[in-house]
Amino acid sequence: MKEVIGVRFRENGKIYFFDPLRFNVQVGEYVIVETARGVEYGKVVLGRREIDEKKMSSAIKPIIRIAEDKDHKKYEDNKEKNKKAYNICLEKITKHKLDMKLIDAEYTFDNSKVLFYFTADGRIDFRELVKDLAAVFKTRIELRQIGVRDETKIVGGIGICGRELCCNKHLSEFIPVSIRMAKEQNLSLNPTKISGVCGRLMCCLKHEQDTYEYLNDRLPNIGDVVKTADGRRGEVKSVNVLRQKVMLVFTLEDDSKEQEEFKIEDLRFKPKKRRNDDRDRISDAELKKLEALERQEGKSKLDDA
């Protein structure tokens, strides 16, 4: 087991583990650490804890020191330099007439590198752009092409729910999302209804998935025949997942029908494996769009510490 602390380098970014050594580091403090990008300034978000080193994909590096006043000032200065670097890069992109969208510019803490994040529909030949930028900044230049989910996480915005986007507000990492989650929650399978601002499946589909799976497993399928507490047999017409109620249709002796709603506790039925027939209710074109959205779910390229 190894004692570590959790450090984050950007707001709501991925958490990385480092060895605190002898330093008395508290949650909320800032530390200087060595990363694959060079020396970086990060915030401690997880206090000391022990983890199994065998489960870590890479060696755990020690922190260099707890951040001092001069480090805080340098970090603030770098944020101003980021804005200037962004504007300069925009001018160079226009000059070279490159079909790319600049999203963000970022100096590493030790100024050993400037990273520019951009989106583009295909591959971009930015060799001349890099030469121009290197001549201006006199340091290493890295242009990193990111996906639309990363772009949305950086830029932020308001979702269809009227709240700030989950990826920008509180999600540290992108959550795997699938069409099955929309089905389980009985949502419209129209791609425009279950896609976020980024055009990918909405991250929030995952938030209530476990609850819906639990509640759905307690309900019969529509079309099943179930028995009431008084021995009557009825066919399931509809189910209310959140209220845990079932609407039954009864066939009377004169062949007329009546319907009545019951709590799930008042019904007797044998649990069955839930049917997965939702694909039959959408067109082939819509299904292809949904499957394409699933395939486009990718790993974030923002936090390569």
Protein backbone atom coordinates (compact mmCIF):
# COMPACT_ATOMS: atom_id res chain seq x y z
CA MET A 1 0.00 0.00 0.00
CA LYS A 2 1.13 3.54 -0.77
CA GLU A 3 0.11 6.76 0.97
CA VAL A 4 -0.95 9.40 -1.54
CA ILE A 5 -2.84 12.68 -1.97
CA GLY A 6 -5.14 13.63 -4.86
CA VAL A 7 -4.23 16.69 -6.95
CA ARG A 8 -6.25 18.45 -9.64
CA PHE A 9 -4.69 20.83 -12.20
CA ARG A 10 -7.80 22.42 -13.69
CA GLU A 11 -11.24 23.07 -12.27
CA ASN A 12 -13.26 19.83 -12.38
CA GLY A 13 -10.37 18.13 -14.13
CA LYS A 14 -9.06 14.62 -13.59
CA ILE A 15 -7.53 13.81 -10.18
CA TYR A 16 -3.96 12.52 -10.09
CA PHE A 17 -2.19 10.87 -7.17
CA PHE A 18 1.15 12.00 -5.75
CA ASP A 19 3.35 11.00 -2.83
CA PRO A 20 3.07 13.71 -0.11
CA LEU A 21 6.41 12.67 1.43
CA ARG A 22 7.02 14.44 4.75
CA PHE A 23 4.93 17.50 3.87
CA ASN A 24 1.89 18.19 6.03
CA VAL A 25 -0.43 18.85 3.08
CA GLN A 26 -4.09 19.71 3.71
CA VAL A 27 -7.06 19.58 1.36
CA GLY A 28 -7.47 22.96 -0.35
CA GLU A 29 -3.75 23.79 -0.37
CA TYR A 30 -1.72 24.13 -3.56
CA VAL A 31 1.38 22.09 -4.36
CA ILE A 32 4.13 22.06 -6.97
CA VAL A 33 4.59 18.68 -8.66
CA GLU A 34 6.49 17.10 -11.52
CA THR A 35 4.29 15.74 -14.34
CA ALA A 36 4.75 14.46 -17.87
CA ARG A 37 4.18 18.04 -19.05
CA GLY A 38 6.80 19.46 -16.70
CA VAL A 39 6.53 21.25 -13.35
CA GLU A 40 2.88 22.04 -12.57
CA TYR A 41 0.82 23.88 -9.98
CA GLY A 42 -2.16 21.94 -8.61
CA LYS A 43 -4.79 21.98 -5.90
CA VAL A 44 -5.02 19.19 -3.31
CA VAL A 45 -8.59 17.83 -3.44
CA LEU A 46 -8.10 14.49 -1.69
CA GLY A 47 -6.31 14.13 1.66
CA ARG A 48 -3.85 11.42 2.62
CA ARG A 49 -5.07 7.89 1.92
CA GLU A 50 -3.60 4.51 1.10
CA ILE A 51 -3.99 2.84 -2.29
CA ASP A 52 -2.70 -0.37 -3.82
CA GLU A 53 0.26 0.48 -6.05
CA LYS A 54 -0.48 -2.55 -8.24
CA LYS A 55 -3.70 -0.90 -9.38
CA MET A 56 -1.92 2.23 -10.58
CA SER A 57 -1.10 2.46 -14.27
CA SER A 58 2.09 4.47 -13.65
CA ALA A 59 4.59 5.16 -10.89
CA ILE A 60 3.51 7.63 -8.21
CA LYS A 61 5.73 10.72 -8.19
CA PRO A 62 6.46 12.77 -5.05
CA ILE A 63 5.38 16.40 -4.72
CA ILE A 64 8.18 18.98 -4.93
CA ARG A 65 6.87 21.40 -2.31
CA ILE A 66 3.83 23.16 -0.95
CA ALA A 67 3.13 26.25 -3.09
CA GLU A 68 4.49 29.53 -1.77
CA ASP A 69 3.41 33.13 -2.35
CA LYS A 70 5.71 33.43 -5.36
CA ASP A 71 4.11 30.33 -6.87
CA HIS A 72 0.59 31.74 -6.46
CA LYS A 73 1.70 34.96 -8.15
CA LYS A 74 3.33 33.07 -11.01
CA TYR A 75 0.15 31.05 -11.53
CA GLU A 76 -1.92 34.24 -11.78
CA ASP A 77 0.64 35.76 -14.16
CA ASN A 78 0.41 32.64 -16.33
CA LYS A 79 -3.36 33.05 -16.62
CA GLU A 80 -2.82 36.53 -18.09
CA LYS A 81 -0.16 35.15 -20.45
CA ASN A 82 -2.65 32.46 -21.54
CA LYS A 83 -5.04 35.15 -22.80
CA LYS A 84 -2.30 36.89 -24.77
CA ALA A 85 -1.10 33.59 -26.24
CA TYR A 86 -4.66 32.76 -27.30
CA ASN A 87 -5.05 36.04 -29.20
CA ILE A 88 -1.66 35.69 -30.89
CA CYS A 89 -2.47 32.16 -32.01
CA LEU A 90 -5.82 33.32 -33.43
CA GLU A 91 -3.99 35.88 -35.56
CA LYS A 92 -1.54 33.25 -36.83
CA ILE A 93 -4.33 30.83 -37.69
CA THR A 94 -6.05 33.54 -39.72
CA LYS A 95 -2.76 34.40 -41.42
CA HIS A 96 -2.19 30.78 -42.50
CA LYS A 97 -5.90 30.31 -43.42
CA LEU A 98 -6.18 27.08 -41.46
CA ASP A 99 -9.55 25.41 -41.09
CA MET A 100 -9.37 24.93 -37.32
CA LYS A 101 -11.14 26.37 -34.28
CA LEU A 102 -8.90 27.49 -31.40
CA ILE A 103 -10.45 26.62 -28.04
CA ASP A 104 -7.87 27.46 -25.39
CA ALA A 105 -4.23 28.33 -24.76
CA GLU A 106 -2.29 27.25 -21.68
CA TYR A 107 1.23 27.80 -20.39
CA THR A 108 2.72 25.07 -18.25
CA PHE A 109 3.60 26.39 -14.80
CA ASP A 110 7.34 26.53 -15.50
CA ASN A 111 6.72 28.13 -18.92
CA SER A 112 8.62 25.30 -20.61
CA LYS A 113 5.75 24.75 -23.03
CA VAL A 114 2.64 26.46 -24.42
CA LEU A 115 -0.28 24.22 -25.30
CA PHE A 116 -2.98 25.23 -27.77
CA TYR A 117 -6.21 23.22 -27.85
CA PHE A 118 -8.23 23.21 -31.06
CA THR A 119 -10.97 21.36 -32.90
CA ALA A 120 -11.10 20.53 -36.59
CA ASP A 121 -13.07 18.25 -38.88
CA GLY A 122 -9.98 16.44 -40.12
CA ARG A 123 -6.20 16.46 -39.99
CA ILE A 124 -4.53 19.86 -40.12
CA ASP A 125 -1.05 20.61 -41.44
CA PHE A 126 0.04 23.17 -38.85
CA ARG A 127 3.80 22.86 -39.24
CA GLU A 128 4.19 26.46 -40.46
CA LEU A 129 1.91 27.65 -37.67
CA VAL A 130 4.10 25.95 -35.08
CA LYS A 131 7.20 27.61 -36.53
CA ASP A 132 5.58 31.04 -36.30
CA LEU A 133 4.40 30.46 -32.74
CA ALA A 134 7.80 29.15 -31.64
CA ALA A 135 9.43 32.28 -33.05
CA VAL A 136 7.07 34.45 -31.00
CA PHE A 137 7.06 32.58 -27.68
CA LYS A 138 10.66 31.25 -27.73
CA THR A 139 9.60 27.99 -26.08
CA ARG A 140 8.16 24.59 -26.96
CA ILE A 141 4.81 24.66 -28.74
CA GLU A 142 2.23 21.89 -28.69
CA LEU A 143 -1.01 21.97 -30.67
CA ARG A 144 -3.47 19.42 -29.36
CA GLN A 145 -6.58 18.47 -31.31
CA ILE A 146 -9.47 17.71 -28.95
CA GLY A 147 -13.00 16.40 -29.40
CA VAL A 148 -16.30 18.23 -29.11
CA ARG A 149 -16.86 16.90 -25.57
CA ASP A 150 -13.55 18.40 -24.43
CA GLU A 151 -14.46 21.66 -26.16
CA THR A 152 -17.77 21.81 -24.32
CA LYS A 153 -16.06 21.04 -21.01
CA ILE A 154 -13.71 24.00 -21.49
CA VAL A 155 -16.21 26.51 -22.85
CA GLY A 156 -19.20 25.53 -20.70
CA GLY A 157 -22.80 26.54 -21.28
CA ILE A 158 -26.41 25.84 -20.31
CA GLY A 159 -28.07 22.49 -20.96
CA ILE A 160 -31.68 21.83 -22.00
CA CYS A 161 -32.45 21.42 -18.29
CA GLY A 162 -31.63 25.08 -17.73
CA ARG A 163 -28.62 24.32 -15.53
CA GLU A 164 -24.87 24.61 -16.16
CA LEU A 165 -23.41 21.73 -18.13
CA CYS A 166 -22.42 18.74 -15.97
CA CYS A 167 -19.04 18.30 -17.72
CA ASN A 168 -18.08 21.90 -17.04
CA LYS A 169 -19.60 22.19 -13.55
CA HIS A 170 -18.75 19.02 -11.62
CA LEU A 171 -17.68 16.00 -13.71
CA SER A 172 -13.98 15.17 -13.32
CA GLU A 173 -14.03 12.63 -16.13
CA PHE A 174 -16.41 11.79 -18.92
CA ILE A 175 -18.82 8.99 -18.03
CA PRO A 176 -19.51 6.16 -20.51
CA VAL A 177 -23.09 6.67 -21.72
CA SER A 178 -25.16 4.26 -23.82
CA ILE A 179 -28.50 4.10 -25.61
CA ARG A 180 -29.58 1.43 -23.11
CA MET A 181 -29.68 4.08 -20.39
CA ALA A 182 -32.21 6.14 -22.35
CA LYS A 183 -34.30 3.01 -22.89
CA GLU A 184 -34.18 2.05 -19.24
CA GLN A 185 -35.45 5.52 -18.29
CA ASN A 186 -38.18 5.37 -20.94
CA LEU A 187 -36.89 8.50 -22.67
CA SER A 188 -37.50 9.46 -26.27
CA LEU A 189 -34.98 7.73 -28.51
CA ASN A 190 -34.88 10.70 -30.84
CA PRO A 191 -31.16 11.62 -31.07
CA THR A 192 -31.95 15.33 -30.80
CA LYS A 193 -33.74 14.75 -27.48
CA ILE A 194 -31.01 12.74 -25.75
CA SER A 195 -27.95 14.56 -27.12
CA GLY A 196 -26.17 17.31 -25.24
CA VAL A 197 -24.76 20.64 -26.42
CA CYS A 198 -21.70 18.79 -27.70
CA GLY A 199 -23.83 16.57 -29.95
CA ARG A 200 -22.98 13.41 -27.99
CA LEU A 201 -25.25 11.42 -25.70
CA MET A 202 -26.00 13.47 -22.56
CA CYS A 203 -23.75 12.71 -19.57
CA CYS A 204 -26.73 13.08 -17.22
CA LEU A 205 -28.25 9.84 -18.58
CA LYS A 206 -25.86 8.10 -16.20
CA HIS A 207 -26.89 10.04 -13.08
CA GLU A 208 -30.13 8.15 -12.35
CA GLN A 209 -29.34 4.93 -14.20
CA ASP A 210 -28.72 2.80 -11.10
CA THR A 211 -32.02 3.94 -9.55
CA TYR A 212 -34.00 3.18 -12.70
CA GLU A 213 -32.40 -0.25 -13.03
CA TYR A 214 -33.39 -1.07 -9.46
CA LEU A 215 -36.95 0.23 -9.85
CA ASN A 216 -37.50 -1.40 -13.25
CA ASP A 217 -36.36 -4.77 -11.93
CA ARG A 218 -39.28 -4.64 -9.45
CA LEU A 219 -41.89 -4.14 -12.20
CA PRO A 220 -43.51 -6.55 -14.67
CA ASN A 221 -43.25 -6.02 -18.43
CA ILE A 222 -46.06 -4.38 -20.36
CA GLY A 223 -48.24 -7.18 -21.74
CA ASP A 224 -47.51 -9.59 -18.87
CA VAL A 225 -50.41 -11.21 -17.04
CA VAL A 226 -50.19 -10.74 -13.26
CA LYS A 227 -52.36 -11.66 -10.29
CA THR A 228 -53.82 -9.27 -7.71
CA ALA A 229 -54.02 -9.95 -3.97
CA ASP A 230 -57.67 -11.03 -4.34
CA GLY A 231 -56.86 -13.54 -7.07
CA ARG A 232 -57.87 -11.60 -10.19
CA ARG A 233 -55.69 -11.84 -13.26
CA GLY A 234 -55.03 -8.79 -15.37
CA GLU A 235 -52.82 -7.71 -18.24
CA VAL A 236 -50.23 -4.99 -17.65
CA LYS A 237 -51.17 -1.93 -19.72
CA SER A 238 -48.61 0.54 -18.36
CA VAL A 239 -46.19 1.04 -15.48
CA ASN A 240 -45.22 4.12 -13.48
CA VAL A 241 -41.57 3.53 -12.62
CA LEU A 242 -41.07 6.30 -10.06
CA ARG A 243 -44.40 5.78 -8.24
CA GLN A 244 -43.99 1.97 -8.50
CA LYS A 245 -47.55 1.49 -9.71
CA VAL A 246 -49.00 -0.72 -12.44
CA MET A 247 -52.13 -0.20 -14.58
CA LEU A 248 -53.95 -3.49 -15.20
CA VAL A 249 -56.69 -4.29 -17.72
CA PHE A 250 -59.29 -6.89 -16.66
CA THR A 251 -61.58 -8.75 -19.06
CA LEU A 252 -65.06 -9.16 -17.54
CA GLU A 253 -67.58 -11.96 -18.11
CA ASP A 254 -69.44 -9.95 -20.78
CA ASP A 255 -66.12 -9.42 -22.60
CA SER A 256 -66.01 -5.77 -21.59
CA LYS A 257 -62.81 -4.42 -20.13
CA GLU A 258 -61.96 -2.30 -17.15
CA GLN A 259 -58.68 -0.96 -15.86
CA GLU A 260 -57.38 -0.29 -12.40
CA GLU A 261 -54.10 0.93 -10.92
CA PHE A 262 -52.25 -1.07 -8.24
CA LYS A 263 -49.19 -0.64 -6.10
CA ILE A 264 -46.47 -3.13 -6.91
CA GLU A 265 -46.74 -4.60 -3.39
CA ASP A 266 -50.36 -5.63 -4.11
CA LEU A 267 -49.49 -7.76 -7.14
CA ARG A 268 -48.14 -11.29 -7.52
CA PHE A 269 -45.95 -12.16 -10.48
CA LYS A 270 -42.81 -14.06 -11.28
CA PRO A 271 -39.88 -11.71 -12.01
CA LYS A 272 -38.66 -12.04 -15.57
CA LYS A 273 -35.65 -10.82 -17.45
CA ARG A 274 -36.55 -7.47 -18.91
CA ARG A 275 -37.19 -7.48 -22.64
CA ASN A 276 -34.94 -5.31 -24.77
CA ASP A 277 -37.26 -4.68 -27.70
CA ASP A 278 -36.97 -0.89 -27.91
CA ARG A 279 -34.96 -1.08 -31.12
CA ASP A 280 -38.11 -2.25 -32.91
CA ARG A 281 -39.80 1.06 -32.07
CA ILE A 282 -37.34 3.36 -33.88
CA SER A 283 -36.41 3.68 -37.53
CA ASP A 284 -33.18 2.29 -38.98
CA ALA A 285 -31.97 5.84 -39.65
CA GLU A 286 -32.50 6.92 -36.03
CA LEU A 287 -30.86 3.72 -34.76
CA LYS A 288 -27.77 4.38 -36.89
CA LYS A 289 -27.53 7.92 -35.46
CA LEU A 290 -27.77 6.62 -31.91
CA GLU A 291 -25.16 3.92 -32.49
CA ALA A 292 -22.86 6.54 -34.04
CA LEU A 293 -23.23 8.69 -30.92
CA GLU A 294 -22.20 5.72 -28.78
CA ARG A 295 -19.10 5.05 -30.87
CA GLN A 296 -18.01 8.68 -30.61
CA GLU A 297 -17.76 8.58 -26.80
CA GLY A 298 -14.02 9.07 -26.25
CA LYS A 299 -11.41 9.67 -23.62
CA SER A 300 -10.65 13.24 -22.65
CA LYS A 301 -7.46 14.69 -24.08
CA LEU A 302 -7.30 17.63 -21.72
CA ASP A 303 -5.61 16.12 -18.68
CA ASP A 304 -2.41 14.36 -19.73
CA ALA A 305 -0.43 15.06 -16.57
